[in-house]
PDB file of N, CA and C in Angstrom:
ATOM      1  N   MET A   1      54.064  97.782 -73.775  1.00  0.00           N
ATOM      2  CA  MET A   1      54.015  96.576 -74.215  1.00  0.00           C
ATOM      3  C   MET A   1      54.703  95.248 -73.966  1.00  0.00           C
ATOM      4  N   ALA A   2      53.901  94.378 -73.756  1.00  0.00           N
ATOM      5  CA  ALA A   2      54.493  93.264 -73.029  1.00  0.00           C
ATOM      6  C   ALA A   2      55.328  92.652 -74.061  1.00  0.00           C
ATOM      7  N   GLU A   3      56.222  91.648 -73.978  1.00  0.00           N
ATOM      8  CA  GLU A   3      56.983  91.335 -74.822  1.00  0.00           C
ATOM      9  C   GLU A   3      56.459  89.594 -75.388  1.00  0.00           C
ATOM     10  N   MET A   4      56.728  89.547 -76.881  1.00  0.00           N
ATOM     11  CA  MET A   4      55.904  88.286 -77.208  1.00  0.00           C
ATOM     12  C   MET A   4      56.686  87.244 -76.938  1.00  0.00           C
ATOM     13  N   GLN A   5      55.619  86.132 -75.982  1.00  0.00           N
ATOM     14  CA  GLN A   5      56.065  84.881 -75.704  1.00  0.00           C
ATOM     15  C   GLN A   5      55.692  83.750 -76.990  1.00  0.00           C
ATOM     16  N   TRP A   6      57.094  82.760 -76.977  1.00  0.00           N
ATOM     17  CA  TRP A   6      55.892  81.377 -77.631  1.00  0.00           C
ATOM     18  C   TRP A   6      56.492  80.412 -76.664  1.00  0.00           C
ATOM     19  N   LEU A   7      55.462  79.409 -76.812  1.00  0.00           N
ATOM     20  CA  LEU A   7      55.693  78.140 -76.327  1.00  0.00           C
ATOM     21  C   LEU A   7      55.445  76.832 -77.153  1.00  0.00           C
ATOM     22  N   ARG A   8      56.310  76.061 -76.497  1.00  0.00           N
ATOM     23  CA  ARG A   8      55.736  74.435 -76.894  1.00  0.00           C
ATOM     24  C   ARG A   8      55.390  73.512 -76.061  1.00  0.00           C
ATOM     25  N   LEU A   9      54.899  72.215 -76.280  1.00  0.00           N
ATOM     26  CA  LEU A   9      54.776  71.236 -75.548  1.00  0.00           C
ATOM     27  C   LEU A   9      56.035  70.859 -74.989  1.00  0.00           C
ATOM     28  N   LYS A  10      56.317  70.499 -73.918  1.00  0.00           N
ATOM     29  CA  LYS A  10      57.471  69.705 -73.065  1.00  0.00           C
ATOM     30  C   LYS A  10      57.229  68.114 -72.803  1.00  0.00           C
ATOM     31  N   ASP A  11      55.719  67.971 -72.162  1.00  0.00           N
ATOM     32  CA  ASP A  11      55.229  66.626 -71.848  1.00  0.00           C
ATOM     33  C   ASP A  11      54.156  66.655 -72.484  1.00  0.00           C
ATOM     34  N   ALA A  12      53.664  65.088 -72.442  1.00  0.00           N
ATOM     35  CA  ALA A  12      52.477  64.729 -72.786  1.00  0.00           C
ATOM     36  C   ALA A  12      51.298  65.116 -72.646  1.00  0.00           C
ATOM     37  N   VAL A  13      50.357  66.034 -73.165  1.00  0.00           N
ATOM     38  CA  VAL A  13      49.037  66.807 -72.546  1.00  0.00           C
ATOM     39  C   VAL A  13      48.325  66.632 -73.321  1.00  0.00           C
ATOM     40  N   SER A  14      47.393  66.423 -73.235  1.00  0.00           N
ATOM     41  CA  SER A  14      45.948  65.999 -74.012  1.00  0.00           C
ATOM     42  C   SER A  14      45.281  67.663 -74.336  1.00  0.00           C
ATOM     43  N   CYS A  15      45.965  67.788 -75.473  1.00  0.00           N
ATOM     44  CA  CYS A  15      45.127  69.019 -75.862  1.00  0.00           C
ATOM     45  C   CYS A  15      45.554  69.218 -77.426  1.00  0.00           C
ATOM     46  N   PRO A  16      44.825  70.197 -77.953  1.00  0.00           N
ATOM     47  CA  PRO A  16      45.212  70.424 -79.490  1.00  0.00           C
ATOM     48  C   PRO A  16      46.174  70.866 -80.205  1.00  0.00           C
ATOM     49  N   LEU A  17      47.449  70.773 -79.291  1.00  0.00           N
ATOM     50  CA  LEU A  17      48.892  71.492 -79.526  1.00  0.00           C
ATOM     51  C   LEU A  17      49.399  70.180 -79.938  1.00  0.00           C
ATOM     52  N   ARG A  18      50.016  70.774 -81.225  1.00  0.00           N
ATOM     53  CA  ARG A  18      51.040  69.687 -81.991  1.00  0.00           C
ATOM     54  C   ARG A  18      52.076  69.584 -81.319  1.00  0.00           C
ATOM     55  N   ARG A  19      52.930  68.597 -80.924  1.00  0.00           N
ATOM     56  CA  ARG A  19      54.199  68.146 -80.055  1.00  0.00           C
ATOM     57  C   ARG A  19      55.266  69.064 -81.343  1.00  0.00           C
ATOM     58  N   GLY A  20      56.060  69.607 -80.417  1.00  0.00           N
ATOM     59  CA  GLY A  20      56.935  70.180 -81.101  1.00  0.00           C
ATOM     60  C   GLY A  20      56.881  71.376 -81.513  1.00  0.00           C
ATOM     61  N   ALA A  21      55.919  72.109 -81.880  1.00  0.00           N
ATOM     62  CA  ALA A  21      55.050  73.303 -82.540  1.00  0.00           C
ATOM     63  C   ALA A  21      55.245  73.963 -81.846  1.00  0.00           C
ATOM     64  N   TRP A  22      55.691  75.518 -82.088  1.00  0.00           N
ATOM     65  CA  TRP A  22      55.379  76.696 -81.354  1.00  0.00           C
ATOM     66  C   TRP A  22      54.472  77.507 -81.696  1.00  0.00           C
ATOM     67  N   TYR A  23      53.977  78.185 -80.610  1.00  0.00           N
ATOM     68  CA  TYR A  23      52.661  78.787 -80.670  1.00  0.00           C
ATOM     69  C   TYR A  23      52.816  80.242 -79.758  1.00  0.00           C
ATOM     70  N   PRO A  24      51.949  81.170 -79.984  1.00  0.00           N
ATOM     71  CA  PRO A  24      52.362  82.680 -79.557  1.00  0.00           C
ATOM     72  C   PRO A  24      51.480  82.820 -78.017  1.00  0.00           C
ATOM     73  N   VAL A  25      51.828  82.847 -77.182  1.00  0.00           N
ATOM     74  CA  VAL A  25      51.477  83.066 -75.760  1.00  0.00           C
ATOM     75  C   VAL A  25      50.372  84.163 -75.818  1.00  0.00           C
ATOM     76  N   ASP A  26      49.016  83.999 -75.079  1.00  0.00           N
ATOM     77  CA  ASP A  26      48.131  85.150 -74.945  1.00  0.00           C
ATOM     78  C   ASP A  26      48.446  85.739 -73.588  1.00  0.00           C
ATOM     79  N   ALA A  27      48.316  84.529 -72.596  1.00  0.00           N
ATOM     80  CA  ALA A  27      48.701  85.207 -71.718  1.00  0.00           C
ATOM     81  C   ALA A  27      49.473  83.912 -70.672  1.00  0.00           C
ATOM     82  N   VAL A  28      50.120  84.749 -69.751  1.00  0.00           N
ATOM     83  CA  VAL A  28      51.018  83.655 -68.269  1.00  0.00           C
ATOM     84  C   VAL A  28      50.468  84.264 -67.466  1.00  0.00           C
ATOM     85  N   THR A  29      49.853  83.132 -66.052  1.00  0.00           N
ATOM     86  CA  THR A  29      50.132  83.483 -64.835  1.00  0.00           C
ATOM     87  C   THR A  29      51.062  82.459 -63.989  1.00  0.00           C
ATOM     88  N   ARG A  30      50.951  82.443 -62.678  1.00  0.00           N
ATOM     89  CA  ARG A  30      51.776  81.692 -61.673  1.00  0.00           C
ATOM     90  C   ARG A  30      51.681  80.326 -62.346  1.00  0.00           C
ATOM     91  N   LEU A  31      50.686  79.859 -62.523  1.00  0.00           N
ATOM     92  CA  LEU A  31      50.459  78.426 -62.736  1.00  0.00           C
ATOM     93  C   LEU A  31      50.149  78.041 -64.637  1.00  0.00           C
ATOM     94  N   GLU A  32      49.548  78.786 -65.299  1.00  0.00           N
ATOM     95  CA  GLU A  32      49.245  78.503 -66.415  1.00  0.00           C
ATOM     96  C   GLU A  32      49.900  79.475 -67.365  1.00  0.00           C
ATOM     97  N   ALA A  33      49.726  78.662 -68.824  1.00  0.00           N
ATOM     98  CA  ALA A  33      49.939  79.629 -70.059  1.00  0.00           C
ATOM     99  C   ALA A  33      48.695  79.735 -70.966  1.00  0.00           C
ATOM    100  N   VAL A  34      48.172  80.356 -71.402  1.00  0.00           N
ATOM    101  CA  VAL A  34      47.398  80.530 -72.546  1.00  0.00           C
ATOM    102  C   VAL A  34      47.657  80.607 -73.918  1.00  0.00           C
ATOM    103  N   VAL A  35      47.198  79.670 -74.965  1.00  0.00           N
ATOM    104  CA  VAL A  35      47.737  80.005 -76.335  1.00  0.00           C
ATOM    105  C   VAL A  35      45.857  80.043 -76.830  1.00  0.00           C
ATOM    106  N   THR A  36      45.822  80.580 -78.204  1.00  0.00           N
ATOM    107  CA  THR A  36      44.654  80.658 -78.606  1.00  0.00           C
ATOM    108  C   THR A  36      44.564  79.335 -79.969  1.00  0.00           C
ATOM    109  N   ILE A  37      43.932  78.232 -79.752  1.00  0.00           N
ATOM    110  CA  ILE A  37      44.142  77.409 -81.125  1.00  0.00           C
ATOM    111  C   ILE A  37      42.313  77.316 -82.088  1.00  0.00           C
ATOM    112  N   ASP A  38      42.577  77.712 -83.311  1.00  0.00           N
ATOM    113  CA  ASP A  38      41.068  77.654 -83.827  1.00  0.00           C
ATOM    114  C   ASP A  38      39.719  78.711 -83.219  1.00  0.00           C
ATOM    115  N   GLY A  39      40.383  79.808 -82.462  1.00  0.00           N
ATOM    116  CA  GLY A  39      40.241  80.886 -82.145  1.00  0.00           C
ATOM    117  C   GLY A  39      39.233  80.432 -80.671  1.00  0.00           C
ATOM    118  N   LYS A  40      40.105  79.102 -80.106  1.00  0.00           N
ATOM    119  CA  LYS A  40      39.710  78.952 -78.832  1.00  0.00           C
ATOM    120  C   LYS A  40      40.774  79.102 -77.851  1.00  0.00           C
ATOM    121  N   PRO A  41      40.733  79.569 -76.711  1.00  0.00           N
ATOM    122  CA  PRO A  41      41.458  79.704 -75.439  1.00  0.00           C
ATOM    123  C   PRO A  41      41.993  78.268 -74.862  1.00  0.00           C
ATOM    124  N   ILE A  42      43.142  77.788 -74.622  1.00  0.00           N
ATOM    125  CA  ILE A  42      43.636  76.591 -74.681  1.00  0.00           C
ATOM    126  C   ILE A  42      44.246  77.220 -73.575  1.00  0.00           C
ATOM    127  N   THR A  43      44.476  76.260 -71.886  1.00  0.00           N
ATOM    128  CA  THR A  43      45.179  76.810 -70.983  1.00  0.00           C
ATOM    129  C   THR A  43      46.181  75.342 -70.945  1.00  0.00           C
ATOM    130  N   LEU A  44      47.063  75.774 -70.568  1.00  0.00           N
ATOM    131  CA  LEU A  44      47.984  74.853 -69.918  1.00  0.00           C
ATOM    132  C   LEU A  44      49.105  74.978 -68.944  1.00  0.00           C
ATOM    133  N   PRO A  45      49.005  73.753 -68.357  1.00  0.00           N
ATOM    134  CA  PRO A  45      50.265  74.218 -66.768  1.00  0.00           C
ATOM    135  C   PRO A  45      51.374  74.398 -67.004  1.00  0.00           C
ATOM    136  N   LEU A  46      52.054  75.268 -66.701  1.00  0.00           N
ATOM    137  CA  LEU A  46      53.313  75.832 -67.166  1.00  0.00           C
ATOM    138  C   LEU A  46      54.467  74.896 -67.422  1.00  0.00           C
ATOM    139  N   ALA A  47      53.960  73.216 -65.955  1.00  0.00           N
ATOM    140  CA  ALA A  47      55.347  72.683 -65.594  1.00  0.00           C
ATOM    141  C   ALA A  47      55.150  71.787 -67.041  1.00  0.00           C
ATOM    142  N   SER A  48      54.000  71.799 -67.861  1.00  0.00           N
ATOM    143  CA  SER A  48      54.010  70.955 -69.129  1.00  0.00           C
ATOM    144  C   SER A  48      54.359  71.844 -70.784  1.00  0.00           C
ATOM    145  N   VAL A  49      54.867  73.026 -69.940  1.00  0.00           N
ATOM    146  CA  VAL A  49      55.425  73.463 -71.437  1.00  0.00           C
ATOM    147  C   VAL A  49      56.804  74.302 -71.754  1.00  0.00           C
ATOM    148  N   GLU A  50      57.219  74.700 -72.619  1.00  0.00           N
ATOM    149  CA  GLU A  50      58.768  75.780 -72.803  1.00  0.00           C
ATOM    150  C   GLU A  50      57.916  76.883 -73.121  1.00  0.00           C
ATOM    151  N   ILE A  51      58.746  77.874 -72.528  1.00  0.00           N
ATOM    152  CA  ILE A  51      58.122  79.180 -73.212  1.00  0.00           C
ATOM    153  C   ILE A  51      59.447  79.863 -73.460  1.00  0.00           C
ATOM    154  N   ARG A  52      59.495  80.507 -74.851  1.00  0.00           N
ATOM    155  CA  ARG A  52      60.939  81.244 -75.006  1.00  0.00           C
ATOM    156  C   ARG A  52      60.252  82.769 -75.393  1.00  0.00           C
ATOM    157  N   THR A  53      60.964  83.993 -75.110  1.00  0.00           N
ATOM    158  CA  THR A  53      60.998  84.642 -75.639  1.00  0.00           C
ATOM    159  C   THR A  53      61.386  85.862 -77.165  1.00  0.00           C
ATOM    160  N   THR A  54      61.985  84.325 -77.946  1.00  0.00           N
ATOM    161  CA  THR A  54      62.129  84.964 -79.643  1.00  0.00           C
ATOM    162  C   THR A  54      61.455  83.743 -80.551  1.00  0.00           C
ATOM    163  N   PRO A  55      60.875  84.386 -81.373  1.00  0.00           N
ATOM    164  CA  PRO A  55      60.337  83.656 -82.484  1.00  0.00           C
ATOM    165  C   PRO A  55      61.263  82.361 -82.571  1.00  0.00           C
ATOM    166  N   PRO A  56      60.782  81.421 -83.031  1.00  0.00           N
ATOM    167  CA  PRO A  56      61.664  80.309 -83.552  1.00  0.00           C
ATOM    168  C   PRO A  56      61.881  80.302 -85.018  1.00  0.00           C
ATOM    169  N   LEU A  57      63.169  79.587 -84.964  1.00  0.00           N
ATOM    170  CA  LEU A  57      63.716  79.627 -86.305  1.00  0.00           C
ATOM    171  C   LEU A  57      64.477  78.600 -86.762  1.00  0.00           C
ATOM    172  N   ALA A  58      64.051  77.633 -85.885  1.00  0.00           N
ATOM    173  CA  ALA A  58      64.461  76.578 -86.318  1.00  0.00           C
ATOM    174  C   ALA A  58      63.509  75.483 -85.942  1.00  0.00           C
ATOM    175  N   GLY A  59      63.759  74.217 -87.000  1.00  0.00           N
ATOM    176  CA  GLY A  59      62.178  73.194 -86.677  1.00  0.00           C
ATOM    177  C   GLY A  59      62.592  72.113 -85.723  1.00  0.00           C
ATOM    178  N   SER A  60      61.457  72.007 -84.601  1.00  0.00           N
ATOM    179  CA  SER A  60      61.686  71.206 -83.601  1.00  0.00           C
ATOM    180  C   SER A  60      61.678  69.593 -84.059  1.00  0.00           C
ATOM    181  N   ILE A  61      62.816  68.919 -83.605  1.00  0.00           N
ATOM    182  CA  ILE A  61      62.587  67.351 -83.671  1.00  0.00           C
ATOM    183  C   ILE A  61      61.698  66.732 -83.036  1.00  0.00           C
ATOM    184  N   VAL A  62      61.124  65.681 -83.491  1.00  0.00           N
ATOM    185  CA  VAL A  62      60.106  65.372 -82.482  1.00  0.00           C
ATOM    186  C   VAL A  62      60.309  63.727 -82.594  1.00  0.00           C
ATOM    187  N   ARG A  63      60.243  62.667 -81.334  1.00  0.00           N
ATOM    188  CA  ARG A  63      60.713  61.412 -81.925  1.00  0.00           C
ATOM    189  C   ARG A  63      59.722  60.753 -80.957  1.00  0.00           C
ATOM    190  N   PRO A  64      58.302  60.370 -81.430  1.00  0.00           N
ATOM    191  CA  PRO A  64      57.374  59.202 -81.314  1.00  0.00           C
ATOM    192  C   PRO A  64      57.738  58.746 -80.537  1.00  0.00           C
ATOM    193  N   ALA A  65      57.409  57.992 -79.088  1.00  0.00           N
ATOM    194  CA  ALA A  65      57.632  57.112 -78.374  1.00  0.00           C
ATOM    195  C   ALA A  65      57.111  55.527 -78.635  1.00  0.00           C
ATOM    196  N   ASP A  66      57.476  54.966 -78.981  1.00  0.00           N
ATOM    197  CA  ASP A  66      56.894  53.289 -78.899  1.00  0.00           C
ATOM    198  C   ASP A  66      56.609  53.253 -80.690  1.00  0.00           C
ATOM    199  N   GLY A  67      57.255  53.772 -81.001  1.00  0.00           N
ATOM    200  CA  GLY A  67      56.447  54.145 -82.337  1.00  0.00           C
ATOM    201  C   GLY A  67      54.952  54.522 -82.919  1.00  0.00           C
ATOM    202  N   ALA A  68      54.749  54.942 -81.818  1.00  0.00           N
ATOM    203  CA  ALA A  68      53.463  56.061 -82.447  1.00  0.00           C
ATOM    204  C   ALA A  68      52.493  55.535 -83.189  1.00  0.00           C
ATOM    205  N   PRO A  69      51.854  54.472 -82.983  1.00  0.00           N
ATOM    206  CA  PRO A  69      51.310  53.918 -83.707  1.00  0.00           C
ATOM    207  C   PRO A  69      49.940  54.985 -84.511  1.00  0.00           C
ATOM    208  N   ARG A  70      49.626  56.012 -83.805  1.00  0.00           N
ATOM    209  CA  ARG A  70      48.628  57.006 -84.841  1.00  0.00           C
ATOM    210  C   ARG A  70      49.026  57.576 -85.602  1.00  0.00           C
ATOM    211  N   ALA A  71      50.892  58.158 -85.633  1.00  0.00           N
ATOM    212  CA  ALA A  71      51.565  58.356 -86.600  1.00  0.00           C
ATOM    213  C   ALA A  71      51.517  57.762 -87.572  1.00  0.00           C
ATOM    214  N   PRO A  72      51.389  58.583 -88.683  1.00  0.00           N
ATOM    215  CA  PRO A  72      51.902  57.987 -90.183  1.00  0.00           C
ATOM    216  C   PRO A  72      53.018  57.133 -90.399  1.00  0.00           C
ATOM    217  N   GLU A  73      53.013  55.823 -90.997  1.00  0.00           N
ATOM    218  CA  GLU A  73      54.378  55.495 -91.073  1.00  0.00           C
ATOM    219  C   GLU A  73      55.423  56.085 -90.904  1.00  0.00           C
ATOM    220  N   VAL A  74      55.655  56.959 -92.075  1.00  0.00           N
ATOM    221  CA  VAL A  74      56.648  57.790 -92.259  1.00  0.00           C
ATOM    222  C   VAL A  74      57.438  58.570 -91.577  1.00  0.00           C
ATOM    223  N   LEU A  75      56.347  58.569 -90.810  1.00  0.00           N
ATOM    224  CA  LEU A  75      57.053  59.987 -89.181  1.00  0.00           C
ATOM    225  C   LEU A  75      57.167  59.485 -88.236  1.00  0.00           C
ATOM    226  N   ARG A  76      57.279  58.107 -88.438  1.00  0.00           N
ATOM    227  CA  ARG A  76      56.665  56.802 -86.748  1.00  0.00           C
ATOM    228  C   ARG A  76      58.391  57.114 -86.011  1.00  0.00           C
ATOM    229  N   SER A  77      59.285  57.062 -87.043  1.00  0.00           N
ATOM    230  CA  SER A  77      60.749  57.209 -86.851  1.00  0.00           C
ATOM    231  C   SER A  77      61.612  58.634 -85.969  1.00  0.00           C
ATOM    232  N   GLY A  78      60.510  59.719 -86.290  1.00  0.00           N
ATOM    233  CA  GLY A  78      60.892  61.160 -85.980  1.00  0.00           C
ATOM    234  C   GLY A  78      60.424  62.034 -87.227  1.00  0.00           C
ATOM    235  N   TYR A  79      60.440  63.259 -86.647  1.00  0.00           N
ATOM    236  CA  TYR A  79      59.810  64.323 -87.885  1.00  0.00           C
ATOM    237  C   TYR A  79      60.581  65.529 -87.420  1.00  0.00           C
ATOM    238  N   VAL A  80      60.197  66.881 -87.986  1.00  0.00           N
ATOM    239  CA  VAL A  80      60.409  67.871 -88.104  1.00  0.00           C
ATOM    240  C   VAL A  80      59.367  68.681 -88.270  1.00  0.00           C
ATOM    241  N   VAL A  81      59.055  69.598 -86.983  1.00  0.00           N
ATOM    242  CA  VAL A  81      57.909  71.089 -87.006  1.00  0.00           C
ATOM    243  C   VAL A  81      58.328  71.634 -87.498  1.00  0.00           C
ATOM    244  N   CYS A  82      57.815  72.277 -88.707  1.00  0.00           N
ATOM    245  CA  CYS A  82      58.309  73.403 -89.601  1.00  0.00           C
ATOM    246  C   CYS A  82      57.952  74.988 -88.601  1.00  0.00           C
ATOM    247  N   PRO A  83      58.898  75.902 -88.526  1.00  0.00           N
ATOM    248  CA  PRO A  83      58.536  76.695 -87.320  1.00  0.00           C
ATOM    249  C   PRO A  83      57.188  77.850 -88.017  1.00  0.00           C
ATOM    250  N   MET A  84      57.496  78.018 -89.267  1.00  0.00           N
ATOM    251  CA  MET A  84      56.841  78.932 -89.715  1.00  0.00           C
ATOM    252  C   MET A  84      54.991  78.392 -89.765  1.00  0.00           C
ATOM    253  N   CYS A  85      54.946  76.938 -90.578  1.00  0.00           N
ATOM    254  CA  CYS A  85      53.506  76.384 -90.553  1.00  0.00           C
ATOM    255  C   CYS A  85      53.195  75.356 -89.342  1.00  0.00           C
ATOM    256  N   ARG A  86      53.926  74.750 -88.980  1.00  0.00           N
ATOM    257  CA  ARG A  86      53.547  73.555 -87.943  1.00  0.00           C
ATOM    258  C   ARG A  86      53.260  72.563 -88.851  1.00  0.00           C
ATOM    259  N   SER A  87      53.956  72.295 -89.779  1.00  0.00           N
ATOM    260  CA  SER A  87      53.651  71.331 -90.368  1.00  0.00           C
ATOM    261  C   SER A  87      54.807  69.949 -90.166  1.00  0.00           C
ATOM    262  N   ARG A  88      54.220  68.681 -90.138  1.00  0.00           N
ATOM    263  CA  ARG A  88      55.933  67.489 -90.321  1.00  0.00           C
ATOM    264  C   ARG A  88      56.061  67.308 -91.311  1.00  0.00           C
ATOM    265  N   THR A  89      57.370  67.213 -91.454  1.00  0.00           N
ATOM    266  CA  THR A  89      58.124  66.768 -92.350  1.00  0.00           C
ATOM    267  C   THR A  89      59.270  65.540 -91.895  1.00  0.00           C
ATOM    268  N   MET A  90      59.323  64.512 -92.459  1.00  0.00           N
ATOM    269  CA  MET A  90      60.154  63.469 -92.108  1.00  0.00           C
ATOM    270  C   MET A  90      61.672  63.624 -91.627  1.00  0.00           C
ATOM    271  N   LEU A  91      61.857  63.164 -90.973  1.00  0.00           N
ATOM    272  CA  LEU A  91      63.472  63.841 -90.037  1.00  0.00           C
ATOM    273  C   LEU A  91      64.403  63.121 -91.158  1.00  0.00           C
ATOM    274  N   PRO A  92      65.383  63.612 -91.672  1.00  0.00           N
ATOM    275  CA  PRO A  92      66.188  63.531 -92.171  1.00  0.00           C
ATOM    276  C   PRO A  92      67.242  62.309 -92.008  1.00  0.00           C
ATOM    277  N   PHE A  93      67.656  61.536 -92.598  1.00  0.00           N
ATOM    278  CA  PHE A  93      68.410  60.331 -92.353  1.00  0.00           C
ATOM    279  C   PHE A  93      69.680  60.982 -92.087  1.00  0.00           C
ATOM    280  N   SER A  94      70.269  61.940 -92.469  1.00  0.00           N
ATOM    281  CA  SER A  94      71.549  62.371 -92.218  1.00  0.00           C
ATOM    282  C   SER A  94      71.273  64.016 -91.420  1.00  0.00           C
ATOM    283  N   ARG A  95      72.311  64.187 -90.818  1.00  0.00           N
ATOM    284  CA  ARG A  95      72.355  65.629 -90.258  1.00  0.00           C
ATOM    285  C   ARG A  95      72.639  66.783 -90.650  1.00  0.00           C
ATOM    286  N   VAL A  96      71.519  67.001 -91.929  1.00  0.00           N
ATOM    287  CA  VAL A  96      71.486  68.238 -92.773  1.00  0.00           C
ATOM    288  C   VAL A  96      71.314  69.262 -91.370  1.00  0.00           C
ATOM    289  N   PHE A  97      71.953  70.335 -92.351  1.00  0.00           N
ATOM    290  CA  PHE A  97      71.550  71.851 -91.783  1.00  0.00           C
ATOM    291  C   PHE A  97      70.387  72.674 -91.978  1.00  0.00           C
ATOM    292  N   LYS A  98      69.625  71.960 -93.416  1.00  0.00           N
ATOM    293  CA  LYS A  98      68.120  72.680 -92.981  1.00  0.00           C
ATOM    294  C   LYS A  98      67.602  71.606 -94.514  1.00  0.00           C
ATOM    295  N   VAL A  99      66.562  71.784 -94.023  1.00  0.00           N
ATOM    296  CA  VAL A  99      65.214  71.027 -94.715  1.00  0.00           C
ATOM    297  C   VAL A  99      63.942  71.953 -95.369  1.00  0.00           C
ATOM    298  N   ARG A 100      63.211  71.483 -96.254  1.00  0.00           N
ATOM    299  CA  ARG A 100      62.131  72.328 -96.887  1.00  0.00           C
ATOM    300  C   ARG A 100      60.777  71.768 -96.177  1.00  0.00           C
ATOM    301  N   CYS A 101      60.104  72.601 -95.912  1.00  0.00           N
ATOM    302  CA  CYS A 101      58.942  72.217 -95.332  1.00  0.00           C
ATOM    303  C   CYS A 101      57.990  71.082 -96.364  1.00  0.00           C
ATOM    304  N   SER A 102      57.261  70.355 -95.969  1.00  0.00           N
ATOM    305  CA  SER A 102      56.642  69.755 -96.837  1.00  0.00           C
ATOM    306  C   SER A 102      55.111  70.509 -96.717  1.00  0.00           C
ATOM    307  N   GLY A 103      54.600  71.016 -96.110  1.00  0.00           N
ATOM    308  CA  GLY A 103      53.648  71.798 -96.071  1.00  0.00           C
ATOM    309  C   GLY A 103      53.491  73.222 -96.748  1.00  0.00           C
ATOM    310  N   CYS A 104      54.209  74.465 -96.027  1.00  0.00           N
ATOM    311  CA  CYS A 104      54.614  75.514 -96.967  1.00  0.00           C
ATOM    312  C   CYS A 104      55.857  75.877 -97.762  1.00  0.00           C
ATOM    313  N   GLN A 105      56.687  74.822 -97.575  1.00  0.00           N
ATOM    314  CA  GLN A 105      57.662  74.900 -99.086  1.00  0.00           C
ATOM    315  C   GLN A 105      58.744  75.790 -98.445  1.00  0.00           C
ATOM    316  N   GLU A 106      58.470  76.044 -97.256  1.00  0.00           N
ATOM    317  CA  GLU A 106      59.324  77.609 -96.855  1.00  0.00           C
ATOM    318  C   GLU A 106      60.812  76.364 -96.680  1.00  0.00           C
ATOM    319  N   LEU A 107      62.219  76.861 -96.576  1.00  0.00           N
ATOM    320  CA  LEU A 107      63.697  76.063 -96.520  1.00  0.00           C
ATOM    321  C   LEU A 107      63.521  76.198 -95.102  1.00  0.00           C
ATOM    322  N   PHE A 108      64.071  75.604 -93.916  1.00  0.00           N
ATOM    323  CA  PHE A 108      64.654  76.263 -92.465  1.00  0.00           C
ATOM    324  C   PHE A 108      65.730  75.292 -91.928  1.00  0.00           C
ATOM    325  N   GLU A 109      66.055  75.843 -90.525  1.00  0.00           N
ATOM    326  CA  GLU A 109      67.386  75.240 -90.221  1.00  0.00           C
ATOM    327  C   GLU A 109      66.356  73.956 -89.273  1.00  0.00           C
ATOM    328  N   VAL A 110      67.455  72.843 -89.138  1.00  0.00           N
ATOM    329  CA  VAL A 110      67.102  71.987 -88.359  1.00  0.00           C
ATOM    330  C   VAL A 110      67.689  72.088 -86.519  1.00  0.00           C
ATOM    331  N   GLY A 111      67.013  71.856 -85.684  1.00  0.00           N
ATOM    332  CA  GLY A 111      67.200  72.275 -84.445  1.00  0.00           C
ATOM    333  C   GLY A 111      67.824  71.258 -83.484  1.00  0.00           C
ATOM    334  N   TRP A 112      68.708  70.666 -84.324  1.00  0.00           N
ATOM    335  CA  TRP A 112      69.753  69.450 -83.893  1.00  0.00           C
ATOM    336  C   TRP A 112      70.225  69.495 -82.820  1.00  0.00           C
ATOM    337  N   ASP A 113      70.561  70.569 -82.502  1.00  0.00           N
ATOM    338  CA  ASP A 113      71.194  71.282 -81.153  1.00  0.00           C
ATOM    339  C   ASP A 113      69.924  71.214 -79.826  1.00  0.00           C
ATOM    340  N   GLU A 114      69.265  71.407 -80.111  1.00  0.00           N
ATOM    341  CA  GLU A 114      68.176  71.797 -78.988  1.00  0.00           C
ATOM    342  C   GLU A 114      67.838  70.826 -78.424  1.00  0.00           C
ATOM    343  N   GLN A 115      67.123  71.000 -77.157  1.00  0.00           N
ATOM    344  CA  GLN A 115      67.366  69.480 -76.023  1.00  0.00           C
ATOM    345  C   GLN A 115      66.296  69.291 -76.656  1.00  0.00           C
ATOM    346  N   ASP A 116      65.911  67.600 -76.420  1.00  0.00           N
ATOM    347  CA  ASP A 116      65.101  66.859 -76.876  1.00  0.00           C
ATOM    348  C   ASP A 116      63.426  67.024 -76.203  1.00  0.00           C
ATOM    349  N   ALA A 117      62.917  68.127 -76.790  1.00  0.00           N
ATOM    350  CA  ALA A 117      61.784  68.888 -75.336  1.00  0.00           C
ATOM    351  C   ALA A 117      60.835  67.736 -76.504  1.00  0.00           C
ATOM    352  N   THR A 118      60.878  66.771 -77.167  1.00  0.00           N
ATOM    353  CA  THR A 118      59.401  66.175 -77.786  1.00  0.00           C
ATOM    354  C   THR A 118      59.602  64.610 -77.668  1.00  0.00           C
ATOM    355  N   ARG A 119      59.606  64.282 -76.759  1.00  0.00           N
ATOM    356  CA  ARG A 119      58.964  62.810 -76.847  1.00  0.00           C
ATOM    357  C   ARG A 119      57.226  62.641 -76.927  1.00  0.00           C
ATOM    358  N   ALA A 120      57.167  62.005 -77.836  1.00  0.00           N
ATOM    359  CA  ALA A 120      55.696  61.779 -78.307  1.00  0.00           C
ATOM    360  C   ALA A 120      54.901  60.451 -77.273  1.00  0.00           C
TER     361      ALA A 120
END
């Protein structure tokens, strides 16, 4: 059986994936990775994604570029993506160890030390 893989975007790509959210990978070829969103396969260039073999445990920090005019105002300075449900939670003002998800209400660690993979 193949090892489970997870991916998230590392570049701005026009697709239905949320920046900073991890998604289970369906398939990987030499050039592309495939995930399923809302029952539809989405193909992404490998150069635009980060892939790992361990499930995400910490929330990814996203810092929108140029104020991200489409984002709700409360999220424009940055937000944390829940590793369980992919909801966005306001970035804490201080470097706290854990935050509570605004979507699923689960408590999760913040990936402060992760590489900043997410500039929207």
